[in-house]
N, C-alpha and C. Protein backbone atom coordinates (compact mmCIF):
# COMPACT_ATOMS: atom_id res chain seq x y z
N MET A 1 -57.21 33.10 32.60
CA MET A 1 -57.60 32.04 31.72
C MET A 1 -57.31 32.42 30.26
N LEU A 2 -57.57 33.66 29.90
CA LEU A 2 -57.30 34.12 28.52
C LEU A 2 -55.82 34.01 28.20
N SER A 3 -54.96 34.21 29.18
CA SER A 3 -53.52 34.12 28.94
C SER A 3 -53.10 32.69 28.61
N GLN A 4 -53.86 31.71 29.02
CA GLN A 4 -53.57 30.31 28.69
C GLN A 4 -54.26 29.88 27.39
N LEU A 5 -55.40 30.46 27.12
CA LEU A 5 -56.17 30.06 25.94
C LEU A 5 -55.62 30.68 24.65
N ARG A 6 -55.14 31.90 24.73
CA ARG A 6 -54.67 32.59 23.54
C ARG A 6 -53.50 31.87 22.85
N PRO A 7 -52.45 31.46 23.56
CA PRO A 7 -51.36 30.74 22.87
C PRO A 7 -51.83 29.43 22.24
N ALA A 8 -52.77 28.77 22.85
CA ALA A 8 -53.30 27.53 22.28
C ALA A 8 -54.05 27.80 20.98
N ILE A 9 -54.85 28.83 20.95
CA ILE A 9 -55.60 29.16 19.73
C ILE A 9 -54.67 29.63 18.63
N VAL A 10 -53.69 30.46 18.99
CA VAL A 10 -52.74 30.95 17.98
C VAL A 10 -51.92 29.78 17.43
N SER A 11 -51.47 28.89 18.29
CA SER A 11 -50.71 27.70 17.83
C SER A 11 -51.58 26.85 16.91
N PHE A 12 -52.83 26.66 17.28
CA PHE A 12 -53.74 25.86 16.45
C PHE A 12 -53.89 26.49 15.07
N LEU A 13 -54.11 27.79 15.01
CA LEU A 13 -54.28 28.46 13.73
C LEU A 13 -53.00 28.43 12.88
N VAL A 14 -51.87 28.68 13.51
CA VAL A 14 -50.60 28.68 12.77
C VAL A 14 -50.30 27.28 12.21
N LEU A 15 -50.47 26.26 13.03
CA LEU A 15 -50.21 24.91 12.58
C LEU A 15 -51.23 24.45 11.53
N THR A 16 -52.45 24.92 11.62
CA THR A 16 -53.47 24.60 10.63
C THR A 16 -53.07 25.19 9.28
N VAL A 17 -52.60 26.42 9.28
CA VAL A 17 -52.18 27.06 8.02
C VAL A 17 -50.96 26.34 7.44
N ILE A 18 -50.01 25.99 8.31
CA ILE A 18 -48.79 25.34 7.82
C ILE A 18 -49.12 23.94 7.28
N THR A 19 -49.78 23.12 8.05
CA THR A 19 -50.02 21.74 7.63
C THR A 19 -51.20 21.58 6.68
N GLY A 20 -52.13 22.52 6.66
CA GLY A 20 -53.29 22.40 5.81
C GLY A 20 -53.19 23.16 4.51
N LEU A 21 -52.31 24.15 4.45
CA LEU A 21 -52.20 24.96 3.23
C LEU A 21 -50.78 24.99 2.66
N LEU A 22 -49.84 25.44 3.47
CA LEU A 22 -48.48 25.65 2.95
C LEU A 22 -47.79 24.35 2.54
N TYR A 23 -47.83 23.35 3.40
CA TYR A 23 -47.13 22.09 3.09
C TYR A 23 -47.75 21.41 1.85
N PRO A 24 -49.08 21.24 1.77
CA PRO A 24 -49.64 20.62 0.56
C PRO A 24 -49.33 21.41 -0.72
N LEU A 25 -49.37 22.72 -0.66
CA LEU A 25 -49.03 23.53 -1.83
C LEU A 25 -47.58 23.36 -2.23
N ALA A 26 -46.68 23.30 -1.25
CA ALA A 26 -45.26 23.12 -1.55
C ALA A 26 -45.01 21.76 -2.16
N VAL A 27 -45.61 20.71 -1.61
CA VAL A 27 -45.40 19.36 -2.15
C VAL A 27 -45.98 19.25 -3.56
N THR A 28 -47.13 19.84 -3.80
CA THR A 28 -47.72 19.82 -5.13
C THR A 28 -46.85 20.58 -6.13
N ALA A 29 -46.32 21.73 -5.74
CA ALA A 29 -45.46 22.51 -6.63
C ALA A 29 -44.20 21.73 -6.99
N VAL A 30 -43.56 21.11 -6.02
CA VAL A 30 -42.34 20.32 -6.26
C VAL A 30 -42.67 19.15 -7.18
N ALA A 31 -43.77 18.47 -6.94
CA ALA A 31 -44.16 17.32 -7.76
C ALA A 31 -44.43 17.74 -9.20
N GLN A 32 -45.09 18.87 -9.39
CA GLN A 32 -45.41 19.33 -10.74
C GLN A 32 -44.16 19.72 -11.52
N VAL A 33 -43.16 20.25 -10.81
CA VAL A 33 -41.92 20.65 -11.48
C VAL A 33 -41.03 19.43 -11.72
N ALA A 34 -40.87 18.57 -10.72
CA ALA A 34 -39.94 17.46 -10.81
C ALA A 34 -40.51 16.26 -11.58
N PHE A 35 -41.78 15.97 -11.40
CA PHE A 35 -42.40 14.78 -12.00
C PHE A 35 -43.78 15.14 -12.56
N PRO A 36 -43.86 15.92 -13.63
CA PRO A 36 -45.18 16.39 -14.08
C PRO A 36 -46.11 15.28 -14.54
N ALA A 37 -45.61 14.28 -15.26
CA ALA A 37 -46.49 13.21 -15.75
C ALA A 37 -47.03 12.38 -14.63
N GLN A 38 -46.16 12.00 -13.68
CA GLN A 38 -46.58 11.18 -12.56
C GLN A 38 -47.49 11.96 -11.62
N ALA A 39 -47.23 13.24 -11.43
CA ALA A 39 -48.06 14.05 -10.53
C ALA A 39 -49.47 14.22 -11.06
N ASN A 40 -49.62 14.09 -12.37
CA ASN A 40 -50.95 14.23 -12.97
C ASN A 40 -51.63 12.89 -13.21
N GLY A 41 -51.07 11.81 -12.72
CA GLY A 41 -51.75 10.53 -12.80
C GLY A 41 -51.22 9.56 -13.84
N SER A 42 -50.10 9.87 -14.51
CA SER A 42 -49.51 8.99 -15.53
C SER A 42 -50.55 8.61 -16.58
N LEU A 43 -51.21 9.61 -17.13
CA LEU A 43 -52.31 9.38 -18.06
C LEU A 43 -51.82 8.90 -19.41
N ILE A 44 -52.65 8.08 -20.06
CA ILE A 44 -52.40 7.62 -21.43
C ILE A 44 -53.36 8.39 -22.31
N PHE A 45 -52.84 9.01 -23.38
CA PHE A 45 -53.66 9.79 -24.29
C PHE A 45 -53.76 9.10 -25.63
N LYS A 46 -54.95 9.14 -26.20
CA LYS A 46 -55.18 8.62 -27.54
C LYS A 46 -56.02 9.64 -28.28
N ASP A 47 -55.52 10.14 -29.37
CA ASP A 47 -56.21 11.18 -30.16
C ASP A 47 -56.49 12.42 -29.31
N GLY A 48 -55.55 12.78 -28.44
CA GLY A 48 -55.69 13.97 -27.61
C GLY A 48 -56.63 13.84 -26.44
N LYS A 49 -57.14 12.66 -26.18
CA LYS A 49 -58.08 12.44 -25.10
C LYS A 49 -57.49 11.42 -24.12
N ALA A 50 -57.63 11.70 -22.83
CA ALA A 50 -57.14 10.77 -21.82
C ALA A 50 -58.03 9.53 -21.82
N VAL A 51 -57.38 8.36 -22.01
CA VAL A 51 -58.14 7.11 -22.08
C VAL A 51 -57.82 6.14 -20.96
N GLY A 52 -56.83 6.45 -20.16
CA GLY A 52 -56.47 5.56 -19.06
C GLY A 52 -55.23 6.03 -18.34
N SER A 53 -54.71 5.18 -17.51
CA SER A 53 -53.50 5.47 -16.73
C SER A 53 -52.57 4.27 -16.79
N THR A 54 -51.27 4.56 -16.84
CA THR A 54 -50.29 3.47 -16.84
C THR A 54 -50.21 2.78 -15.49
N LEU A 55 -50.80 3.36 -14.47
CA LEU A 55 -50.75 2.81 -13.12
C LEU A 55 -51.86 1.78 -12.88
N ILE A 56 -52.81 1.67 -13.79
CA ILE A 56 -53.97 0.79 -13.59
C ILE A 56 -53.95 -0.29 -14.66
N GLY A 57 -54.13 -1.52 -14.25
CA GLY A 57 -54.20 -2.63 -15.20
C GLY A 57 -52.86 -3.25 -15.48
N GLN A 58 -52.88 -4.36 -16.19
CA GLN A 58 -51.66 -5.08 -16.56
C GLN A 58 -51.96 -5.89 -17.80
N PRO A 59 -50.94 -6.15 -18.63
CA PRO A 59 -51.18 -6.98 -19.81
C PRO A 59 -51.28 -8.46 -19.44
N PHE A 60 -52.10 -9.20 -20.18
CA PHE A 60 -52.25 -10.63 -20.00
C PHE A 60 -51.66 -11.32 -21.23
N ASP A 61 -50.46 -11.91 -21.10
CA ASP A 61 -49.82 -12.58 -22.21
C ASP A 61 -49.89 -14.09 -22.12
N ASP A 62 -50.21 -14.60 -20.95
CA ASP A 62 -50.25 -16.03 -20.72
C ASP A 62 -51.53 -16.62 -21.33
N PRO A 63 -51.45 -17.69 -22.12
CA PRO A 63 -52.62 -18.24 -22.78
C PRO A 63 -53.64 -18.82 -21.81
N GLN A 64 -53.28 -19.05 -20.55
CA GLN A 64 -54.25 -19.61 -19.61
C GLN A 64 -55.36 -18.62 -19.26
N TYR A 65 -55.12 -17.35 -19.54
CA TYR A 65 -56.16 -16.36 -19.26
C TYR A 65 -57.09 -16.22 -20.47
N PHE A 66 -58.38 -16.14 -20.20
CA PHE A 66 -59.35 -16.00 -21.29
C PHE A 66 -59.11 -14.68 -22.00
N TRP A 67 -59.28 -13.58 -21.32
CA TRP A 67 -58.85 -12.25 -21.77
C TRP A 67 -58.89 -11.31 -20.58
N GLY A 68 -58.08 -10.31 -20.67
CA GLY A 68 -58.00 -9.34 -19.58
C GLY A 68 -59.10 -8.31 -19.68
N ARG A 69 -59.28 -7.57 -18.63
CA ARG A 69 -60.24 -6.48 -18.65
C ARG A 69 -59.78 -5.45 -19.68
N LEU A 70 -60.68 -4.68 -20.23
CA LEU A 70 -60.32 -3.68 -21.20
C LEU A 70 -59.37 -2.65 -20.61
N SER A 71 -59.48 -2.40 -19.34
CA SER A 71 -58.60 -1.41 -18.69
C SER A 71 -57.24 -2.01 -18.36
N ALA A 72 -57.03 -3.28 -18.66
CA ALA A 72 -55.79 -3.95 -18.26
C ALA A 72 -54.97 -4.40 -19.46
N THR A 73 -55.12 -3.76 -20.59
CA THR A 73 -54.36 -4.15 -21.77
C THR A 73 -53.35 -3.07 -22.11
N ALA A 74 -52.29 -3.45 -22.79
CA ALA A 74 -51.24 -2.50 -23.13
C ALA A 74 -51.31 -2.22 -24.63
N PRO A 75 -50.89 -1.12 -25.13
CA PRO A 75 -50.52 0.08 -24.40
C PRO A 75 -51.73 0.99 -24.12
N PHE A 76 -52.85 0.71 -24.75
CA PHE A 76 -54.04 1.53 -24.53
C PHE A 76 -55.18 0.66 -24.03
N PRO A 77 -56.00 1.21 -23.16
CA PRO A 77 -57.17 0.44 -22.69
C PRO A 77 -58.20 0.26 -23.80
């Protein structure tokens, strides 16, 4: 029985390390090198402080809208 259980446990541990540690670290490293702004959330800075993200919100230019949310205005929230 141990001869059947040991390969299963070893496979489980090896795949856990690969998929749970090595792969996420590799993807994060590539993203930080290739796309640093996007990998960190596409933040908008005002006076050295993060005030929002370019990925959240949208500008409202059409007069039919009363006004947009504060987080949905360009270029700063």
